[in-house]
Structures are given as structure tokens and as C-alpha cells.
Amino acid sequence: MVWGNHKLNMKKYIMILLFVFVLTLSSCKIKDMDLKYDDEDFITSNFHQTVYVGVVESRDKVSFRSFSGSELIGTIFSNDRATITIDREITEGRFKVVMVTDSDEIIELNDGTFDYHATEGTVRIKVIGDGARGWYKIKIE
């Protein structure tokens, strides 16, 4: 009987170690991405590195306990017109919505609704986070 309890205790110990290891690795990744919040090369790149913790996505809203990195939300192609609606509530950390042009110009977007005409090439709408907590809604029509 003692041997059976020993196996159970060993399994618990291994599970705890595995959990701590995974938590440590994810913390390192989040920390690394937090440093890139203001990095123009990171923001304009086509490589998107994102870590969400405690994320809940619905049809039009994304809520999260922590968000770090860069995520592409949508693309407006050359000569297209779009209406962009942005709403967000961030209670912790840093968070921004940006438009990246073909010439790698970064334009930070505020909450609200506005019309955009992509006259000179394709633009990308992205969210950038640095340990952000809260929610956002972005609609591109």
C-alpha cells in the first residue's frame, strides 16, 4: 500500500514540476515580447508573435487577462474603402491599435469609427500589446 502512495506522490511531484517549467517558459516569452512594444521593425514586420493568457473570444470582442505581442486583425487592399470601428478598455499594461502602410509608416488609431480609402497600396490593421489586460472590439467593413 505504501508503494502505491509513493507512485501517486511522484506523479504529483512531476506534474508540479512540469507546470512550473511551462509557466517559466511562457513568462520568458511574454517578457521578450514586451520589449518590442515600441520596436518599429517588429510592428511593421509580417511576423506576428502573440501570447494571450485567459483569452475569451466572441463574435466581435476579445477579452484577455494578459496580451503581449503583435496580431494582425485585418487588411485593407489597394483602392478599397473600409469603415473601421474600434472600441477597447485596457485596465493594465500597454495596448495600441495601429495601421501599417506599404511603406512601413505606422499610424496609431484611436477609438471611434472612421472611413479609410487605401489609395496607395495595402494597409494592415494590427494590435500591439505589452502585458495588457482588458478587451477590444475592432470591426473592419
Protein backbone atom coordinates (compact mmCIF):
# COMPACT_ATOMS: atom_id res chain seq x y z
CA MET A 1 0.00 0.00 0.00
CA VAL A 2 2.85 2.37 0.79
CA TRP A 3 4.29 1.75 -2.69
CA GLY A 4 1.00 2.85 -4.32
CA ASN A 5 1.06 6.15 -2.41
CA HIS A 6 4.69 6.66 -3.42
CA LYS A 7 3.74 6.41 -7.12
CA LEU A 8 0.90 8.87 -6.58
CA ASN A 9 3.17 11.34 -4.79
CA MET A 10 5.77 11.01 -7.57
CA LYS A 11 3.11 11.76 -10.21
CA LYS A 12 2.01 14.85 -8.29
CA TYR A 13 5.63 15.98 -7.98
CA ILE A 14 6.25 15.52 -11.72
CA MET A 15 3.04 17.40 -12.59
CA ILE A 16 4.02 20.30 -10.34
CA LEU A 17 7.50 20.45 -11.89
CA LEU A 18 6.02 20.36 -15.40
CA PHE A 19 3.58 23.15 -14.54
CA VAL A 20 6.35 25.34 -13.08
CA PHE A 21 8.53 24.68 -16.15
CA VAL A 22 5.77 25.65 -18.60
CA LEU A 23 4.91 28.74 -16.55
CA THR A 24 8.56 29.79 -16.52
CA LEU A 25 8.87 29.36 -20.29
CA SER A 26 5.72 31.34 -21.02
CA SER A 27 6.84 34.13 -18.71
CA CYS A 28 10.12 34.40 -20.63
CA LYS A 29 8.28 34.65 -23.94
CA ILE A 30 5.93 37.34 -22.65
CA LYS A 31 8.82 39.32 -21.21
CA ASP A 32 10.72 39.15 -24.51
CA MET A 33 7.71 40.39 -26.45
CA ASP A 34 7.07 43.23 -24.01
CA LEU A 35 10.40 44.73 -25.04
CA LYS A 36 9.16 45.01 -28.63
CA TYR A 37 6.11 47.21 -27.93
CA ASP A 38 7.80 50.31 -29.39
CA ASP A 39 10.08 48.46 -31.86
CA GLU A 40 9.14 49.77 -35.34
CA ASP A 41 10.76 46.80 -37.10
CA PHE A 42 8.69 44.39 -35.00
CA ILE A 43 5.46 46.34 -35.57
CA THR A 44 5.93 46.61 -39.36
CA SER A 45 7.07 43.03 -39.91
CA ASN A 46 4.80 40.36 -41.34
CA PHE A 47 5.82 38.05 -38.50
CA HIS A 48 3.22 38.04 -35.73
CA GLN A 49 4.19 36.77 -32.31
CA THR A 50 1.37 36.74 -29.77
CA VAL A 51 0.80 35.41 -26.26
CA TYR A 52 -2.69 35.64 -24.78
CA VAL A 53 -3.44 34.42 -21.25
CA GLY A 54 -7.04 33.84 -20.21
CA VAL A 55 -8.47 34.83 -23.58
CA VAL A 56 -12.18 34.73 -24.38
CA GLU A 57 -13.19 35.46 -27.96
CA SER A 58 -16.74 36.12 -29.03
CA ARG A 59 -18.03 37.12 -32.43
CA ASP A 60 -16.93 40.73 -32.08
CA LYS A 61 -15.00 41.04 -28.80
CA VAL A 62 -11.69 39.71 -27.48
CA SER A 63 -11.18 39.74 -23.68
CA PHE A 64 -7.92 38.74 -22.02
CA ARG A 65 -6.11 38.66 -18.68
CA SER A 66 -2.81 39.30 -20.45
CA PHE A 67 -1.83 40.07 -24.04
CA SER A 68 1.67 40.69 -25.33
CA GLY A 69 2.97 40.81 -28.87
CA SER A 70 1.59 41.67 -32.28
CA GLU A 71 -1.51 40.31 -34.01
CA LEU A 72 -2.87 41.07 -37.48
CA ILE A 73 -6.56 42.00 -37.27
CA GLY A 74 -7.26 42.76 -40.92
CA THR A 75 -6.01 44.04 -44.26
CA ILE A 76 -7.38 46.79 -46.48
CA PHE A 77 -6.23 46.25 -50.05
CA SER A 78 -5.24 48.95 -52.53
CA ASN A 79 -8.17 51.03 -53.83
CA ASP A 80 -10.57 49.51 -51.29
CA ARG A 81 -12.66 51.58 -48.92
CA ALA A 82 -13.39 50.43 -45.39
CA THR A 83 -15.15 51.61 -42.27
CA ILE A 84 -13.12 50.84 -39.17
CA THR A 85 -14.72 50.78 -35.72
CA ILE A 86 -12.51 50.48 -32.64
CA ASP A 87 -13.61 50.16 -29.03
CA ARG A 88 -11.45 48.99 -26.11
CA GLU A 89 -10.99 49.04 -22.38
CA ILE A 90 -7.50 48.31 -21.12
CA THR A 91 -7.10 48.27 -17.33
CA GLU A 92 -3.45 47.28 -17.12
CA GLY A 93 -0.33 47.35 -19.30
CA ARG A 94 0.04 48.99 -22.71
CA PHE A 95 -2.10 48.37 -25.79
CA LYS A 96 -2.43 50.09 -29.15
CA VAL A 97 -4.14 49.61 -32.47
CA VAL A 98 -2.02 50.57 -35.47
CA MET A 99 -2.32 50.83 -39.22
CA VAL A 100 0.84 49.84 -41.12
CA THR A 101 1.14 51.12 -44.70
CA ASP A 102 3.02 49.51 -47.59
CA SER A 103 5.85 51.98 -46.95
CA ASP A 104 6.01 50.80 -43.30
CA GLU A 105 4.52 54.01 -41.89
CA ILE A 106 2.89 53.32 -38.51
CA ILE A 107 -0.30 55.23 -37.71
CA GLU A 108 -1.77 54.75 -34.24
CA LEU A 109 -5.57 54.55 -34.30
CA ASN A 110 -7.90 55.91 -31.62
CA ASP A 111 -11.27 54.57 -30.53
CA GLY A 112 -14.22 55.51 -32.73
CA THR A 113 -15.46 54.95 -36.26
CA PHE A 114 -13.81 56.32 -39.36
CA ASP A 115 -13.71 55.70 -43.11
CA TYR A 116 -10.47 54.85 -44.85
CA HIS A 117 -9.61 54.62 -48.54
CA ALA A 118 -6.43 52.68 -49.34
CA THR A 119 -5.31 54.79 -52.29
CA GLU A 120 -1.62 53.92 -52.21
CA GLY A 121 -1.24 50.23 -51.55
CA THR A 122 -2.33 47.75 -48.94
CA VAL A 123 -2.55 48.59 -45.23
CA ARG A 124 -2.62 46.23 -42.26
CA ILE A 125 -4.52 46.78 -39.02
CA LYS A 126 -2.70 45.29 -36.03
CA VAL A 127 -2.93 45.24 -32.25
CA ILE A 128 0.25 45.57 -30.20
CA GLY A 129 0.31 44.65 -26.51
CA ASP A 130 2.67 44.85 -23.58
CA GLY A 131 1.22 42.95 -20.62
CA ALA A 132 -2.20 44.41 -21.43
CA ARG A 133 -5.35 43.36 -19.59
CA GLY A 134 -8.84 44.18 -20.83
CA TRP A 135 -10.81 43.79 -24.04
CA TYR A 136 -11.12 45.18 -27.55
CA LYS A 137 -13.58 45.21 -30.42
CA ILE A 138 -12.36 46.01 -33.91
CA LYS A 139 -14.67 45.84 -36.89
CA ILE A 140 -13.47 46.40 -40.47
CA GLU A 141 -16.29 46.59 -43.03
